[in-house]
Amino acid sequence: MSLPHPKDDQPYWEVSVLEAGHITIPREWVIDTAEKGERRKLPALSFLLRHSKTGQTFVFDLGIPANWRENLPPAAPKRLEHMTFEVEVPQGAE
């Protein structure tokens, strides 16, 4: 299956990637052959979309909020005590 050929003056979306924090996790959480103790820093991404005809923009936010600890469900802090990951949010998207 392939995409149809573009038409003259066809509208489209421009997509820009926004770095929205990082999380460092034990590599064994995602790679079954990882060595014990290996860690990997992964990006949390958001996306800015802009429509070519209307100029309408919106953000599809998959990032980590700067105040992520304050917005957790009540049971989460106890679980976090046993997890070994690090979160970095150098700048919020506000």
PDB file of N, CA and C in Angstrom:
ATOM      1  N   MET A   1       0.854  -1.165   0.000  1.00  0.00           N
ATOM      2  CA  MET A   1       0.000   0.000   0.000  1.00  0.00           C
ATOM      3  C   MET A   1       0.903   1.232   0.000  1.00  0.00           C
ATOM      4  N   SER A   2       0.595   2.168  -0.857  1.00  0.00           N
ATOM      5  CA  SER A   2       1.394   3.388  -0.889  1.00  0.00           C
ATOM      6  C   SER A   2       0.474   4.594  -0.755  1.00  0.00           C
ATOM      7  N   LEU A   3       1.058   5.704  -0.423  1.00  0.00           N
ATOM      8  CA  LEU A   3       0.291   6.936  -0.283  1.00  0.00           C
ATOM      9  C   LEU A   3      -0.100   7.477  -1.652  1.00  0.00           C
ATOM     10  N   PRO A   4      -1.222   8.179  -1.744  1.00  0.00           N
ATOM     11  CA  PRO A   4      -1.584   8.781  -3.027  1.00  0.00           C
ATOM     12  C   PRO A   4      -0.593   9.890  -3.384  1.00  0.00           C
ATOM     13  N   HIS A   5      -0.471  10.188  -4.662  1.00  0.00           N
ATOM     14  CA  HIS A   5       0.406  11.260  -5.113  1.00  0.00           C
ATOM     15  C   HIS A   5      -0.136  12.603  -4.622  1.00  0.00           C
ATOM     16  N   PRO A   6       0.744  13.526  -4.224  1.00  0.00           N
ATOM     17  CA  PRO A   6       0.262  14.831  -3.765  1.00  0.00           C
ATOM     18  C   PRO A   6      -0.383  15.607  -4.910  1.00  0.00           C
ATOM     19  N   LYS A   7      -1.356  16.431  -4.550  1.00  0.00           N
ATOM     20  CA  LYS A   7      -2.038  17.282  -5.523  1.00  0.00           C
ATOM     21  C   LYS A   7      -1.475  18.691  -5.423  1.00  0.00           C
ATOM     22  N   ASP A   8      -1.648  19.478  -6.455  1.00  0.00           N
ATOM     23  CA  ASP A   8      -1.216  20.868  -6.424  1.00  0.00           C
ATOM     24  C   ASP A   8      -1.889  21.583  -5.261  1.00  0.00           C
ATOM     25  N   ASP A   9      -1.104  22.371  -4.542  1.00  0.00           N
ATOM     26  CA  ASP A   9      -1.626  23.177  -3.442  1.00  0.00           C
ATOM     27  C   ASP A   9      -2.286  22.343  -2.340  1.00  0.00           C
ATOM     28  N   GLN A  10      -1.829  21.127  -2.155  1.00  0.00           N
ATOM     29  CA  GLN A  10      -2.380  20.237  -1.122  1.00  0.00           C
ATOM     30  C   GLN A  10      -1.918  20.689   0.260  1.00  0.00           C
ATOM     31  N   PRO A  11      -2.822  20.803   1.228  1.00  0.00           N
ATOM     32  CA  PRO A  11      -2.396  21.180   2.585  1.00  0.00           C
ATOM     33  C   PRO A  11      -1.623  20.036   3.252  1.00  0.00           C
ATOM     34  N   TYR A  12      -0.803  20.393   4.214  1.00  0.00           N
ATOM     35  CA  TYR A  12      -0.015  19.408   4.944  1.00  0.00           C
ATOM     36  C   TYR A  12       0.274  19.961   6.332  1.00  0.00           C
ATOM     37  N   TRP A  13       0.805  19.125   7.183  1.00  0.00           N
ATOM     38  CA  TRP A  13       1.219  19.516   8.527  1.00  0.00           C
ATOM     39  C   TRP A  13       2.737  19.514   8.598  1.00  0.00           C
ATOM     40  N   GLU A  14       3.308  20.582   9.133  1.00  0.00           N
ATOM     41  CA  GLU A  14       4.731  20.618   9.450  1.00  0.00           C
ATOM     42  C   GLU A  14       4.865  20.102  10.879  1.00  0.00           C
ATOM     43  N   VAL A  15       5.806  19.217  11.103  1.00  0.00           N
ATOM     44  CA  VAL A  15       5.983  18.621  12.427  1.00  0.00           C
ATOM     45  C   VAL A  15       7.387  18.934  12.920  1.00  0.00           C
ATOM     46  N   SER A  16       7.476  19.502  14.130  1.00  0.00           N
ATOM     47  CA  SER A  16       8.760  19.780  14.766  1.00  0.00           C
ATOM     48  C   SER A  16       8.822  19.001  16.078  1.00  0.00           C
ATOM     49  N   VAL A  17       9.964  18.419  16.350  1.00  0.00           N
ATOM     50  CA  VAL A  17      10.163  17.662  17.584  1.00  0.00           C
ATOM     51  C   VAL A  17      10.678  18.607  18.661  1.00  0.00           C
ATOM     52  N   LEU A  18      10.102  18.514  19.852  1.00  0.00           N
ATOM     53  CA  LEU A  18      10.521  19.323  20.994  1.00  0.00           C
ATOM     54  C   LEU A  18      11.051  18.389  22.081  1.00  0.00           C
ATOM     55  N   GLU A  19      12.246  18.657  22.554  1.00  0.00           N
ATOM     56  CA  GLU A  19      12.789  17.865  23.653  1.00  0.00           C
ATOM     57  C   GLU A  19      12.083  18.309  24.928  1.00  0.00           C
ATOM     58  N   ALA A  20      11.474  17.356  25.630  1.00  0.00           N
ATOM     59  CA  ALA A  20      10.651  17.704  26.792  1.00  0.00           C
ATOM     60  C   ALA A  20      11.066  16.935  28.034  1.00  0.00           C
ATOM     61  N   GLY A  21      12.365  16.788  28.230  1.00  0.00           N
ATOM     62  CA  GLY A  21      12.878  16.101  29.406  1.00  0.00           C
ATOM     63  C   GLY A  21      13.556  14.790  29.045  1.00  0.00           C
ATOM     64  N   HIS A  22      14.129  14.161  30.057  1.00  0.00           N
ATOM     65  CA  HIS A  22      14.811  12.879  29.893  1.00  0.00           C
ATOM     66  C   HIS A  22      14.489  11.995  31.085  1.00  0.00           C
ATOM     67  N   ILE A  23      14.516  10.719  30.835  1.00  0.00           N
ATOM     68  CA  ILE A  23      14.382   9.760  31.921  1.00  0.00           C
ATOM     69  C   ILE A  23      15.513   8.743  31.758  1.00  0.00           C
ATOM     70  N   THR A  24      16.208   8.469  32.844  1.00  0.00           N
ATOM     71  CA  THR A  24      17.283   7.476  32.832  1.00  0.00           C
ATOM     72  C   THR A  24      16.757   6.243  33.544  1.00  0.00           C
ATOM     73  N   ILE A  25      16.783   5.119  32.827  1.00  0.00           N
ATOM     74  CA  ILE A  25      16.200   3.889  33.366  1.00  0.00           C
ATOM     75  C   ILE A  25      17.219   2.754  33.318  1.00  0.00           C
ATOM     76  N   PRO A  26      17.002   1.713  34.116  1.00  0.00           N
ATOM     77  CA  PRO A  26      17.824   0.518  33.960  1.00  0.00           C
ATOM     78  C   PRO A  26      17.585  -0.057  32.554  1.00  0.00           C
ATOM     79  N   ARG A  27      18.631  -0.325  31.835  1.00  0.00           N
ATOM     80  CA  ARG A  27      18.517  -0.799  30.456  1.00  0.00           C
ATOM     81  C   ARG A  27      17.791  -2.145  30.385  1.00  0.00           C
ATOM     82  N   GLU A  28      17.885  -2.938  31.449  1.00  0.00           N
ATOM     83  CA  GLU A  28      17.236  -4.255  31.467  1.00  0.00           C
ATOM     84  C   GLU A  28      15.707  -4.151  31.454  1.00  0.00           C
ATOM     85  N   TRP A  29      15.154  -2.973  31.739  1.00  0.00           N
ATOM     86  CA  TRP A  29      13.705  -2.781  31.646  1.00  0.00           C
ATOM     87  C   TRP A  29      13.220  -2.897  30.207  1.00  0.00           C
ATOM     88  N   VAL A  30      14.096  -2.588  29.234  1.00  0.00           N
ATOM     89  CA  VAL A  30      13.664  -2.569  27.831  1.00  0.00           C
ATOM     90  C   VAL A  30      14.471  -3.490  26.919  1.00  0.00           C
ATOM     91  N   ILE A  31      15.635  -3.952  27.352  1.00  0.00           N
ATOM     92  CA  ILE A  31      16.487  -4.823  26.539  1.00  0.00           C
ATOM     93  C   ILE A  31      16.779  -6.081  27.341  1.00  0.00           C
ATOM     94  N   ASP A  32      16.326  -7.227  26.864  1.00  0.00           N
ATOM     95  CA  ASP A  32      16.492  -8.443  27.666  1.00  0.00           C
ATOM     96  C   ASP A  32      17.931  -8.940  27.747  1.00  0.00           C
ATOM     97  N   THR A  33      18.821  -8.471  26.870  1.00  0.00           N
ATOM     98  CA  THR A  33      20.221  -8.896  26.924  1.00  0.00           C
ATOM     99  C   THR A  33      21.126  -7.876  27.624  1.00  0.00           C
ATOM    100  N   ALA A  34      20.530  -6.865  28.232  1.00  0.00           N
ATOM    101  CA  ALA A  34      21.318  -5.829  28.899  1.00  0.00           C
ATOM    102  C   ALA A  34      22.027  -6.392  30.126  1.00  0.00           C
ATOM    103  N   GLU A  35      23.191  -5.844  30.394  1.00  0.00           N
ATOM    104  CA  GLU A  35      23.937  -6.214  31.592  1.00  0.00           C
ATOM    105  C   GLU A  35      23.267  -5.597  32.812  1.00  0.00           C
ATOM    106  N   LYS A  36      23.270  -6.308  33.905  1.00  0.00           N
ATOM    107  CA  LYS A  36      22.717  -5.771  35.151  1.00  0.00           C
ATOM    108  C   LYS A  36      23.477  -4.496  35.520  1.00  0.00           C
ATOM    109  N   GLY A  37      22.767  -3.456  35.853  1.00  0.00           N
ATOM    110  CA  GLY A  37      23.383  -2.193  36.238  1.00  0.00           C
ATOM    111  C   GLY A  37      23.557  -1.209  35.092  1.00  0.00           C
ATOM    112  N   GLU A  38      23.406  -1.665  33.845  1.00  0.00           N
ATOM    113  CA  GLU A  38      23.489  -0.726  32.720  1.00  0.00           C
ATOM    114  C   GLU A  38      22.307   0.226  32.771  1.00  0.00           C
ATOM    115  N   ARG A  39      22.559   1.474  32.414  1.00  0.00           N
ATOM    116  CA  ARG A  39      21.499   2.484  32.433  1.00  0.00           C
ATOM    117  C   ARG A  39      21.465   3.180  31.087  1.00  0.00           C
ATOM    118  N   ARG A  40      20.305   3.712  30.733  1.00  0.00           N
ATOM    119  CA  ARG A  40      20.149   4.404  29.452  1.00  0.00           C
ATOM    120  C   ARG A  40      19.318   5.660  29.648  1.00  0.00           C
ATOM    121  N   LYS A  41      19.814   6.768  29.107  1.00  0.00           N
ATOM    122  CA  LYS A  41      19.100   8.040  29.164  1.00  0.00           C
ATOM    123  C   LYS A  41      18.239   8.158  27.911  1.00  0.00           C
ATOM    124  N   LEU A  42      16.932   8.288  28.094  1.00  0.00           N
ATOM    125  CA  LEU A  42      15.985   8.339  26.988  1.00  0.00           C
ATOM    126  C   LEU A  42      15.283   9.699  26.951  1.00  0.00           C
ATOM    127  N   PRO A  43      15.010  10.212  25.757  1.00  0.00           N
ATOM    128  CA  PRO A  43      14.311  11.482  25.668  1.00  0.00           C
ATOM    129  C   PRO A  43      12.804  11.299  25.849  1.00  0.00           C
ATOM    130  N   ALA A  44      12.178  12.304  26.395  1.00  0.00           N
ATOM    131  CA  ALA A  44      10.720  12.407  26.398  1.00  0.00           C
ATOM    132  C   ALA A  44      10.409  13.504  25.385  1.00  0.00           C
ATOM    133  N   LEU A  45       9.603  13.197  24.408  1.00  0.00           N
ATOM    134  CA  LEU A  45       9.403  14.126  23.297  1.00  0.00           C
ATOM    135  C   LEU A  45       7.986  14.683  23.255  1.00  0.00           C
ATOM    136  N   SER A  46       7.877  15.869  22.734  1.00  0.00           N
ATOM    137  CA  SER A  46       6.613  16.493  22.375  1.00  0.00           C
ATOM    138  C   SER A  46       6.747  16.930  20.926  1.00  0.00           C
ATOM    139  N   PHE A  47       5.626  17.221  20.304  1.00  0.00           N
ATOM    140  CA  PHE A  47       5.643  17.588  18.893  1.00  0.00           C
ATOM    141  C   PHE A  47       4.805  18.833  18.658  1.00  0.00           C
ATOM    142  N   LEU A  48       5.362  19.783  17.917  1.00  0.00           N
ATOM    143  CA  LEU A  48       4.651  20.982  17.507  1.00  0.00           C
ATOM    144  C   LEU A  48       4.178  20.747  16.077  1.00  0.00           C
ATOM    145  N   LEU A  49       2.876  20.897  15.840  1.00  0.00           N
ATOM    146  CA  LEU A  49       2.306  20.708  14.505  1.00  0.00           C
ATOM    147  C   LEU A  49       1.750  22.040  14.006  1.00  0.00           C
ATOM    148  N   ARG A  50       2.018  22.343  12.732  1.00  0.00           N
ATOM    149  CA  ARG A  50       1.527  23.583  12.128  1.00  0.00           C
ATOM    150  C   ARG A  50       0.919  23.246  10.767  1.00  0.00           C
ATOM    151  N   HIS A  51      -0.329  23.690  10.564  1.00  0.00           N
ATOM    152  CA  HIS A  51      -1.025  23.421   9.311  1.00  0.00           C
ATOM    153  C   HIS A  51      -0.584  24.409   8.241  1.00  0.00           C
ATOM    154  N   SER A  52      -0.274  23.904   7.052  1.00  0.00           N
ATOM    155  CA  SER A  52       0.277  24.752   5.984  1.00  0.00           C
ATOM    156  C   SER A  52      -0.718  25.773   5.445  1.00  0.00           C
ATOM    157  N   LYS A  53      -2.004  25.488   5.495  1.00  0.00           N
ATOM    158  CA  LYS A  53      -3.008  26.407   4.941  1.00  0.00           C
ATOM    159  C   LYS A  53      -3.549  27.380   5.983  1.00  0.00           C
ATOM    160  N   THR A  54      -3.903  26.854   7.140  1.00  0.00           N
ATOM    161  CA  THR A  54      -4.565  27.694   8.146  1.00  0.00           C
ATOM    162  C   THR A  54      -3.587  28.327   9.122  1.00  0.00           C
ATOM    163  N   GLY A  55      -2.382  27.778   9.232  1.00  0.00           N
ATOM    164  CA  GLY A  55      -1.424  28.275  10.217  1.00  0.00           C
ATOM    165  C   GLY A  55      -1.744  27.804  11.626  1.00  0.00           C
ATOM    166  N   GLN A  56      -2.806  27.025  11.767  1.00  0.00           N
ATOM    167  CA  GLN A  56      -3.189  26.509  13.082  1.00  0.00           C
ATOM    168  C   GLN A  56      -2.033  25.690  13.651  1.00  0.00           C
ATOM    169  N   THR A  57      -1.757  25.873  14.937  1.00  0.00           N
ATOM    170  CA  THR A  57      -0.700  25.104  15.589  1.00  0.00           C
ATOM    171  C   THR A  57      -1.255  24.427  16.837  1.00  0.00           C
ATOM    172  N   PHE A  58      -0.663  23.303  17.159  1.00  0.00           N
ATOM    173  CA  PHE A  58      -0.942  22.691  18.446  1.00  0.00           C
ATOM    174  C   PHE A  58       0.234  21.811  18.831  1.00  0.00           C
ATOM    175  N   VAL A  59       0.301  21.505  20.125  1.00  0.00           N
ATOM    176  CA  VAL A  59       1.382  20.685  20.665  1.00  0.00           C
ATOM    177  C   VAL A  59       0.800  19.349  21.099  1.00  0.00           C
ATOM    178  N   PHE A  60       1.407  18.294  20.620  1.00  0.00           N
ATOM    179  CA  PHE A  60       1.092  16.937  21.051  1.00  0.00           C
ATOM    180  C   PHE A  60       2.147  16.611  22.100  1.00  0.00           C
ATOM    181  N   ASP A  61       1.762  16.695  23.358  1.00  0.00           N
ATOM    182  CA  ASP A  61       2.722  16.668  24.456  1.00  0.00           C
ATOM    183  C   ASP A  61       2.862  15.276  25.058  1.00  0.00           C
ATOM    184  N   LEU A  62       4.010  14.650  24.822  1.00  0.00           N
ATOM    185  CA  LEU A  62       4.341  13.372  25.439  1.00  0.00           C
ATOM    186  C   LEU A  62       5.462  13.557  26.462  1.00  0.00           C
ATOM    187  N   GLY A  63       5.761  14.801  26.779  1.00  0.00           N
ATOM    188  CA  GLY A  63       6.862  15.104  27.672  1.00  0.00           C
ATOM    189  C   GLY A  63       6.528  14.863  29.128  1.00  0.00           C
ATOM    190  N   ILE A  64       7.475  15.179  29.962  1.00  0.00           N
ATOM    191  CA  ILE A  64       7.342  15.005  31.407  1.00  0.00           C
ATOM    192  C   ILE A  64       7.093  16.385  32.012  1.00  0.00           C
ATOM    193  N   PRO A  65       6.024  16.571  32.764  1.00  0.00           N
ATOM    194  CA  PRO A  65       5.819  17.877  33.382  1.00  0.00           C
ATOM    195  C   PRO A  65       6.898  18.169  34.422  1.00  0.00           C
ATOM    196  N   ALA A  66       7.278  19.423  34.532  1.00  0.00           N
ATOM    197  CA  ALA A  66       8.325  19.820  35.478  1.00  0.00           C
ATOM    198  C   ALA A  66       7.952  19.440  36.909  1.00  0.00           C
ATOM    199  N   ASN A  67       6.683  19.483  37.238  1.00  0.00           N
ATOM    200  CA  ASN A  67       6.231  19.161  38.601  1.00  0.00           C
ATOM    201  C   ASN A  67       5.623  17.756  38.646  1.00  0.00           C
ATOM    202  N   TRP A  68       6.270  16.803  37.991  1.00  0.00           N
ATOM    203  CA  TRP A  68       5.712  15.460  37.849  1.00  0.00           C
ATOM    204  C   TRP A  68       5.469  14.772  39.185  1.00  0.00           C
ATOM    205  N   ARG A  69       6.312  14.992  40.176  1.00  0.00           N
ATOM    206  CA  ARG A  69       6.111  14.331  41.486  1.00  0.00           C
ATOM    207  C   ARG A  69       4.827  14.805  42.173  1.00  0.00           C
ATOM    208  N   GLU A  70       4.501  16.090  42.029  1.00  0.00           N
ATOM    209  CA  GLU A  70       3.308  16.632  42.681  1.00  0.00           C
ATOM    210  C   GLU A  70       2.018  16.159  42.016  1.00  0.00           C
ATOM    211  N   ASN A  71       2.104  15.691  40.779  1.00  0.00           N
ATOM    212  CA  ASN A  71       0.902  15.300  40.036  1.00  0.00           C
ATOM    213  C   ASN A  71       0.690  13.791  39.950  1.00  0.00           C
ATOM    214  N   LEU A  72       1.395  13.049  40.776  1.00  0.00           N
ATOM    215  CA  LEU A  72       1.261  11.598  40.754  1.00  0.00           C
ATOM    216  C   LEU A  72       0.030  11.149  41.536  1.00  0.00           C
ATOM    217  N   PRO A  73      -0.524   9.983  41.200  1.00  0.00           N
ATOM    218  CA  PRO A  73      -1.600   9.418  42.014  1.00  0.00           C
ATOM    219  C   PRO A  73      -1.076   9.120  43.419  1.00  0.00           C
ATOM    220  N   PRO A  74      -1.940   9.102  44.420  1.00  0.00           N
ATOM    221  CA  PRO A  74      -1.503   8.917  45.810  1.00  0.00           C
ATOM    222  C   PRO A  74      -0.649   7.676  46.060  1.00  0.00           C
ATOM    223  N   ALA A  75      -0.881   6.582  45.356  1.00  0.00           N
ATOM    224  CA  ALA A  75      -0.116   5.347  45.604  1.00  0.00           C
ATOM    225  C   ALA A  75       1.275   5.374  44.966  1.00  0.00           C
ATOM    226  N   ALA A  76       1.521   6.279  44.073  1.00  0.00           N
ATOM    227  CA  ALA A  76       2.777   6.277  43.311  1.00  0.00           C
ATOM    228  C   ALA A  76       4.037   6.556  44.134  1.00  0.00           C
ATOM    229  N   PRO A  77       4.048   7.502  45.079  1.00  0.00           N
ATOM    230  CA  PRO A  77       5.305   7.776  45.807  1.00  0.00           C
ATOM    231  C   PRO A  77       5.909   6.543  46.471  1.00  0.00           C
ATOM    232  N   LYS A  78       5.094   5.680  47.039  1.00  0.00           N
ATOM    233  CA  LYS A  78       5.602   4.469  47.681  1.00  0.00           C
ATOM    234  C   LYS A  78       6.259   3.548  46.639  1.00  0.00           C
ATOM    235  N   ARG A  79       5.650   3.445  45.490  1.00  0.00           N
ATOM    236  CA  ARG A  79       6.218   2.616  44.414  1.00  0.00           C
ATOM    237  C   ARG A  79       7.525   3.214  43.907  1.00  0.00           C
ATOM    238  N   LEU A  80       7.593   4.530  43.827  1.00  0.00           N
ATOM    239  CA  LEU A  80       8.796   5.196  43.337  1.00  0.00           C
ATOM    240  C   LEU A  80      10.012   4.944  44.213  1.00  0.00           C
ATOM    241  N   GLU A  81       9.787   4.740  45.498  1.00  0.00           N
ATOM    242  CA  GLU A  81      10.897   4.475  46.411  1.00  0.00           C
ATOM    243  C   GLU A  81      11.701   3.250  45.964  1.00  0.00           C
ATOM    244  N   HIS A  82      11.046   2.286  45.314  1.00  0.00           N
ATOM    245  CA  HIS A  82      11.705   1.042  44.921  1.00  0.00           C
ATOM    246  C   HIS A  82      12.202   1.053  43.478  1.00  0.00           C
ATOM    247  N   MET A  83      11.839   2.069  42.734  1.00  0.00           N
ATOM    248  CA  MET A  83      12.252   2.135  41.330  1.00  0.00           C
ATOM    249  C   MET A  83      13.537   2.951  41.233  1.00  0.00           C
ATOM    250  N   THR A  84      14.357   2.592  40.272  1.00  0.00           N
ATOM    251  CA  THR A  84      15.651   3.261  40.153  1.00  0.00           C
ATOM    252  C   THR A  84      15.748   4.007  38.827  1.00  0.00           C
ATOM    253  N   PHE A  85      14.974   5.043  38.683  1.00  0.00           N
ATOM    254  CA  PHE A  85      15.093   5.861  37.491  1.00  0.00           C
ATOM    255  C   PHE A  85      15.280   7.313  37.893  1.00  0.00           C
ATOM    256  N   GLU A  86      15.815   8.078  36.981  1.00  0.00           N
ATOM    257  CA  GLU A  86      16.051   9.501  37.227  1.00  0.00           C
ATOM    258  C   GLU A  86      15.298  10.295  36.172  1.00  0.00           C
ATOM    259  N   VAL A  87      14.710  11.403  36.572  1.00  0.00           N
ATOM    260  CA  VAL A  87      13.971  12.258  35.653  1.00  0.00           C
ATOM    261  C   VAL A  87      14.624  13.619  35.621  1.00  0.00           C
ATOM    262  N   GLU A  88      14.805  14.146  34.409  1.00  0.00           N
ATOM    263  CA  GLU A  88      15.337  15.513  34.219  1.00  0.00           C
ATOM    264  C   GLU A  88      14.345  16.289  33.363  1.00  0.00           C
ATOM    265  N   VAL A  89      13.925  17.429  33.864  1.00  0.00           N
ATOM    266  CA  VAL A  89      13.074  18.315  33.071  1.00  0.00           C
ATOM    267  C   VAL A  89      13.715  19.703  33.159  1.00  0.00           C
ATOM    268  N   PRO A  90      14.677  19.994  32.266  1.00  0.00           N
ATOM    269  CA  PRO A  90      15.399  21.256  32.353  1.00  0.00           C
ATOM    270  C   PRO A  90      14.531  22.484  32.101  1.00  0.00           C
ATOM    271  N   GLN A  91      13.454  22.286  31.336  1.00  0.00           N
ATOM    272  CA  GLN A  91      12.588  23.433  31.016  1.00  0.00           C
ATOM    273  C   GLN A  91      11.190  22.921  30.740  1.00  0.00           C
ATOM    274  N   GLY A  92      10.189  23.528  31.374  1.00  0.00           N
ATOM    275  CA  GLY A  92       8.804  23.154  31.116  1.00  0.00           C
ATOM    276  C   GLY A  92       8.298  23.782  29.824  1.00  0.00           C
ATOM    277  N   ALA A  93       7.168  23.308  29.356  1.00  0.00           N
ATOM    278  CA  ALA A  93       6.590  23.806  28.110  1.00  0.00           C
ATOM    279  C   ALA A  93       5.561  24.906  28.333  1.00  0.00           C
ATOM    280  N   GLU A  94       5.437  25.393  29.550  1.00  0.00           N
ATOM    281  CA  GLU A  94       4.418  26.387  29.872  1.00  0.00           C
ATOM    282  C   GLU A  94       4.483  27.563  28.943  1.00  0.00           C
TER     283      GLU A  94
END
